[in-house]
Amino acid sequence: MYGLEEKDKKNKQGRFIFDLEKRIKEEPKHGQSLLEKAELRLQEIKKHLREGSKEKDFDRLGILLHGYAALQKVLKKVAK
């Protein structure tokens, strides 16, 4: 990552492949299960945010919400 990758970990286009990306491409079911877990956690976080919580918890839940949304985007992109 950030130009520090090893030469043997690069694919044909010279792009670095992360371990998670490699595993998802080898085992599509693993990627699908991660996507389902992320969706469940997103729904739980949204439920807690709708119910209301303390300001400190609200901020942390917002950060988690954005993190899981980003994870979903990455998993969907890798799965294609």
C-alpha atoms as a PDB file:
ATOM      1  CA  MET A   1       0.000   0.000   0.000  1.00  0.00           C
ATOM      2  CA  TYR A   2       1.170   3.547  -0.760  1.00  0.00           C
ATOM      3  CA  GLY A   3       3.993   2.375  -3.006  1.00  0.00           C
ATOM      4  CA  LEU A   4       5.483   0.003  -0.433  1.00  0.00           C
ATOM      5  CA  GLU A   5       4.078  -3.171  -1.947  1.00  0.00           C
ATOM      6  CA  GLU A   6       6.302  -6.043  -2.936  1.00  0.00           C
ATOM      7  CA  LYS A   7       6.895  -6.813  -6.598  1.00  0.00           C
ATOM      8  CA  ASP A   8       5.569 -10.372  -6.323  1.00  0.00           C
ATOM      9  CA  LYS A   9       2.231  -9.219  -4.861  1.00  0.00           C
ATOM     10  CA  LYS A  10       1.391  -7.182  -7.956  1.00  0.00           C
ATOM     11  CA  ASN A  11      -0.897  -8.539 -10.618  1.00  0.00           C
ATOM     12  CA  LYS A  12      -0.452  -8.221 -14.378  1.00  0.00           C
ATOM     13  CA  GLN A  13      -1.468  -4.552 -14.496  1.00  0.00           C
ATOM     14  CA  GLY A  14       1.021  -3.691 -11.739  1.00  0.00           C
ATOM     15  CA  ARG A  15      -1.776  -2.981  -9.262  1.00  0.00           C
ATOM     16  CA  PHE A  16      -1.463  -4.017  -5.613  1.00  0.00           C
ATOM     17  CA  ILE A  17      -3.985  -6.658  -4.522  1.00  0.00           C
ATOM     18  CA  PHE A  18      -5.112  -6.592  -0.904  1.00  0.00           C
ATOM     19  CA  ASP A  19      -5.534  -9.854   1.020  1.00  0.00           C
ATOM     20  CA  LEU A  20      -9.280  -9.323   1.394  1.00  0.00           C
ATOM     21  CA  GLU A  21      -9.657  -8.622  -2.323  1.00  0.00           C
ATOM     22  CA  LYS A  22      -7.724 -11.772  -3.196  1.00  0.00           C
ATOM     23  CA  ARG A  23      -9.795 -13.907  -0.820  1.00  0.00           C
ATOM     24  CA  ILE A  24     -13.092 -12.539  -2.139  1.00  0.00           C
ATOM     25  CA  LYS A  25     -12.057 -13.266  -5.713  1.00  0.00           C
ATOM     26  CA  GLU A  26     -11.072 -16.810  -4.739  1.00  0.00           C
ATOM     27  CA  GLU A  27     -14.144 -17.399  -2.530  1.00  0.00           C
ATOM     28  CA  PRO A  28     -17.152 -15.354  -3.726  1.00  0.00           C
ATOM     29  CA  LYS A  29     -19.321 -16.840  -0.948  1.00  0.00           C
ATOM     30  CA  HIS A  30     -17.046 -15.245   1.654  1.00  0.00           C
ATOM     31  CA  GLY A  31     -17.547 -11.861   0.034  1.00  0.00           C
ATOM     32  CA  GLN A  32     -21.297 -12.380  -0.033  1.00  0.00           C
ATOM     33  CA  SER A  33     -21.357 -13.304   3.659  1.00  0.00           C
ATOM     34  CA  LEU A  34     -19.339 -10.191   4.529  1.00  0.00           C
ATOM     35  CA  LEU A  35     -21.753  -8.092   2.500  1.00  0.00           C
ATOM     36  CA  GLU A  36     -24.720  -9.588   4.361  1.00  0.00           C
ATOM     37  CA  LYS A  37     -23.072  -8.959   7.756  1.00  0.00           C
ATOM     38  CA  ALA A  38     -22.367  -5.354   6.792  1.00  0.00           C
ATOM     39  CA  GLU A  39     -25.993  -4.884   5.727  1.00  0.00           C
ATOM     40  CA  LEU A  40     -27.276  -6.284   9.035  1.00  0.00           C
ATOM     41  CA  ARG A  41     -24.986  -4.017  11.035  1.00  0.00           C
ATOM     42  CA  LEU A  42     -26.009  -1.018   8.931  1.00  0.00           C
ATOM     43  CA  GLN A  43     -29.643  -1.719   9.715  1.00  0.00           C
ATOM     44  CA  GLU A  44     -28.875  -2.046  13.446  1.00  0.00           C
ATOM     45  CA  ILE A  45     -26.980   1.239  13.491  1.00  0.00           C
ATOM     46  CA  LYS A  46     -29.749   3.025  11.618  1.00  0.00           C
ATOM     47  CA  LYS A  47     -32.270   1.646  14.110  1.00  0.00           C
ATOM     48  CA  HIS A  48     -30.238   2.987  17.049  1.00  0.00           C
ATOM     49  CA  LEU A  49     -29.863   6.365  15.372  1.00  0.00           C
ATOM     50  CA  ARG A  50     -33.614   6.621  14.785  1.00  0.00           C
ATOM     51  CA  GLU A  51     -34.375   5.710  18.399  1.00  0.00           C
ATOM     52  CA  GLY A  52     -32.086   8.455  19.585  1.00  0.00           C
ATOM     53  CA  SER A  53     -29.071   8.238  21.796  1.00  0.00           C
ATOM     54  CA  LYS A  54     -26.633  10.393  23.708  1.00  0.00           C
ATOM     55  CA  GLU A  55     -24.677  12.913  21.677  1.00  0.00           C
ATOM     56  CA  LYS A  56     -21.397  11.042  22.168  1.00  0.00           C
ATOM     57  CA  ASP A  57     -22.970   7.748  21.067  1.00  0.00           C
ATOM     58  CA  PHE A  58     -24.724   9.480  18.180  1.00  0.00           C
ATOM     59  CA  ASP A  59     -21.393  10.699  16.784  1.00  0.00           C
ATOM     60  CA  ARG A  60     -19.784   7.275  17.129  1.00  0.00           C
ATOM     61  CA  LEU A  61     -22.725   5.554  15.490  1.00  0.00           C
ATOM     62  CA  GLY A  62     -22.525   8.043  12.625  1.00  0.00           C
ATOM     63  CA  ILE A  63     -18.870   7.191  12.106  1.00  0.00           C
ATOM     64  CA  LEU A  64     -19.674   3.466  12.140  1.00  0.00           C
ATOM     65  CA  LEU A  65     -22.501   4.034   9.681  1.00  0.00           C
ATOM     66  CA  HIS A  66     -20.165   5.722   7.211  1.00  0.00           C
ATOM     67  CA  GLY A  67     -17.560   2.988   7.691  1.00  0.00           C
ATOM     68  CA  TYR A  68     -19.988   0.168   6.969  1.00  0.00           C
ATOM     69  CA  ALA A  69     -21.372   2.047   3.959  1.00  0.00           C
ATOM     70  CA  ALA A  70     -17.827   2.374   2.606  1.00  0.00           C
ATOM     71  CA  LEU A  71     -17.209  -1.330   3.269  1.00  0.00           C
ATOM     72  CA  GLN A  72     -20.320  -2.201   1.287  1.00  0.00           C
ATOM     73  CA  LYS A  73     -19.159  -0.124  -1.673  1.00  0.00           C
ATOM     74  CA  VAL A  74     -15.740  -1.791  -1.657  1.00  0.00           C
ATOM     75  CA  LEU A  75     -17.178  -5.292  -1.358  1.00  0.00           C
ATOM     76  CA  LYS A  76     -19.608  -4.684  -4.211  1.00  0.00           C
ATOM     77  CA  LYS A  77     -16.850  -3.279  -6.402  1.00  0.00           C
ATOM     78  CA  VAL A  78     -14.499  -6.191  -5.684  1.00  0.00           C
ATOM     79  CA  ALA A  79     -17.237  -8.754  -6.257  1.00  0.00           C
ATOM     80  CA  LYS A  80     -17.801  -7.540  -9.833  1.00  0.00           C
END
